């Protein structure tokens, strides 16, 4: 878990993609569908974080805690950055042979 979390904080889309299975899925918290937005496959998965890093170049995930059980994991974190962004969230992970098969992201939404 540490390597992929570091890849996000280092804003390294290539390292993020290398952590994913070729059939991997990356689901964002928001989007046009009930599951948010889904990026499937290496090219699509590379796009999602790269776009986020371009919009919020100082984005960071901190205060992380991880729980791993077999091929499943949960991470808790706080995402911060210009915006201002300061929200707690979590990721639900599924692995296949030490590669990320699915990362499903959830975070608190601030509304007026």
Protein backbone atom coordinates (compact mmCIF):
# COMPACT_ATOMS: atom_id res chain seq x y z
CA UNK A 1 0.00 0.00 0.00
CA UNK A 2 2.83 2.35 0.79
CA UNK A 3 4.16 2.42 -2.78
CA UNK A 4 0.89 3.40 -4.43
CA UNK A 5 0.08 5.97 -1.74
CA UNK A 6 3.54 7.47 -2.31
CA UNK A 7 2.91 7.52 -6.06
CA UNK A 8 -0.21 9.64 -5.48
CA UNK A 9 1.62 12.04 -3.15
CA UNK A 10 4.58 12.23 -5.56
CA UNK A 11 2.09 13.06 -8.33
CA UNK A 12 3.50 10.28 -10.50
CA UNK A 13 0.82 8.94 -12.90
CA UNK A 14 3.24 6.36 -14.35
CA UNK A 15 3.95 4.85 -10.93
CA UNK A 16 0.22 4.84 -10.19
CA UNK A 17 -0.50 2.96 -13.43
CA UNK A 18 2.31 0.47 -12.73
CA UNK A 19 0.50 -0.45 -9.49
CA UNK A 20 -2.68 -1.37 -11.36
CA UNK A 21 -3.57 -4.63 -13.09
CA UNK A 22 -4.02 -4.20 -16.86
CA UNK A 23 -7.78 -4.74 -16.27
CA UNK A 24 -7.79 -2.34 -13.31
CA UNK A 25 -10.53 0.14 -12.49
CA UNK A 26 -10.22 3.47 -10.69
CA UNK A 27 -13.54 4.87 -9.46
CA UNK A 28 -13.76 8.50 -8.39
CA UNK A 29 -16.13 9.70 -5.68
CA UNK A 30 -18.02 12.06 -8.00
CA UNK A 31 -19.35 11.62 -11.49
CA UNK A 32 -22.39 11.18 -13.69
CA UNK A 33 -23.09 7.66 -12.42
CA UNK A 34 -24.15 6.27 -9.02
CA UNK A 35 -20.62 4.83 -8.67
CA UNK A 36 -18.99 8.17 -9.61
CA UNK A 37 -16.66 8.19 -12.60
CA UNK A 38 -14.91 4.97 -13.68
CA UNK A 39 -11.54 4.84 -15.41
CA UNK A 40 -10.70 1.36 -16.72
CA UNK A 41 -7.38 0.24 -18.17
CA UNK A 42 -3.93 1.81 -18.01
CA UNK A 43 -4.48 4.74 -20.40
CA UNK A 44 -7.69 5.84 -18.69
CA UNK A 45 -6.25 5.34 -15.19
CA UNK A 46 -3.25 7.50 -16.12
CA UNK A 47 -5.63 10.32 -17.12
CA UNK A 48 -7.63 10.65 -13.87
CA UNK A 49 -4.83 11.54 -11.45
CA UNK A 50 -2.88 13.53 -14.07
CA UNK A 51 -5.89 15.80 -14.56
CA UNK A 52 -6.31 16.21 -10.79
CA UNK A 53 -2.61 17.01 -10.31
CA UNK A 54 -2.83 19.68 -13.05
CA UNK A 55 -5.80 21.38 -11.34
CA UNK A 56 -4.50 21.04 -7.76
CA UNK A 57 -0.68 20.85 -8.01
CA UNK A 58 -0.20 20.84 -4.21
CA UNK A 59 -2.69 18.04 -3.51
CA UNK A 60 -1.59 15.61 -0.78
CA UNK A 61 -3.08 12.62 1.00
CA UNK A 62 -2.02 12.46 4.64
CA UNK A 63 -2.98 10.95 7.98
CA UNK A 64 -3.27 7.61 6.20
CA UNK A 65 -4.20 4.37 7.86
CA UNK A 66 -4.54 1.06 6.04
CA UNK A 67 -6.17 -2.27 6.80
CA UNK A 68 -5.40 -5.24 4.58
CA UNK A 69 -7.20 -8.59 4.57
CA UNK A 70 -6.30 -11.02 1.83
CA UNK A 71 -6.99 -9.39 -1.53
CA UNK A 72 -8.94 -6.47 -0.04
CA UNK A 73 -7.82 -3.29 1.73
CA UNK A 74 -9.24 -0.07 3.14
CA UNK A 75 -7.33 3.18 3.47
CA UNK A 76 -8.41 6.24 5.44
CA UNK A 77 -6.85 9.58 4.60
CA UNK A 78 -7.27 13.35 4.56
CA UNK A 79 -6.81 15.07 1.21
CA UNK A 80 -5.56 18.67 1.29
CA UNK A 81 -4.62 21.24 -1.32
CA UNK A 82 -5.42 24.60 -2.85
CA UNK A 83 -9.09 25.21 -3.23
CA UNK A 84 -9.16 24.95 -0.27
CA UNK A 85 -9.37 21.18 -0.08
CA UNK A 86 -9.38 19.60 3.37
CA UNK A 87 -11.57 16.51 3.40
CA UNK A 88 -11.44 13.08 5.01
CA UNK A 89 -12.04 10.09 2.81
CA UNK A 90 -11.29 6.46 2.20
CA UNK A 91 -10.43 4.04 -0.55
CA UNK A 92 -11.67 0.50 -0.99
CA UNK A 93 -9.10 -1.63 -2.77
CA UNK A 94 -9.21 -5.03 -4.46
CA UNK A 95 -5.96 -6.72 -5.54
CA UNK A 96 -5.08 -9.51 -7.94
CA UNK A 97 -1.55 -10.91 -7.73
CA UNK A 98 -0.22 -7.80 -5.93
CA UNK A 99 -1.70 -5.41 -8.50
CA UNK A 100 -4.66 -3.10 -7.95
CA UNK A 101 -7.73 -4.54 -9.64
CA UNK A 102 -10.08 -1.87 -8.28
CA UNK A 103 -9.72 1.35 -6.31
CA UNK A 104 -13.03 2.84 -5.23
CA UNK A 105 -12.78 6.32 -3.67
CA UNK A 106 -15.13 7.94 -1.16
CA UNK A 107 -14.79 11.30 0.56
CA UNK A 108 -16.85 13.81 2.48
CA UNK A 109 -18.55 16.49 0.40
CA UNK A 110 -18.78 20.04 1.74
CA UNK A 111 -22.06 21.79 0.85
CA UNK A 112 -23.49 25.17 1.74
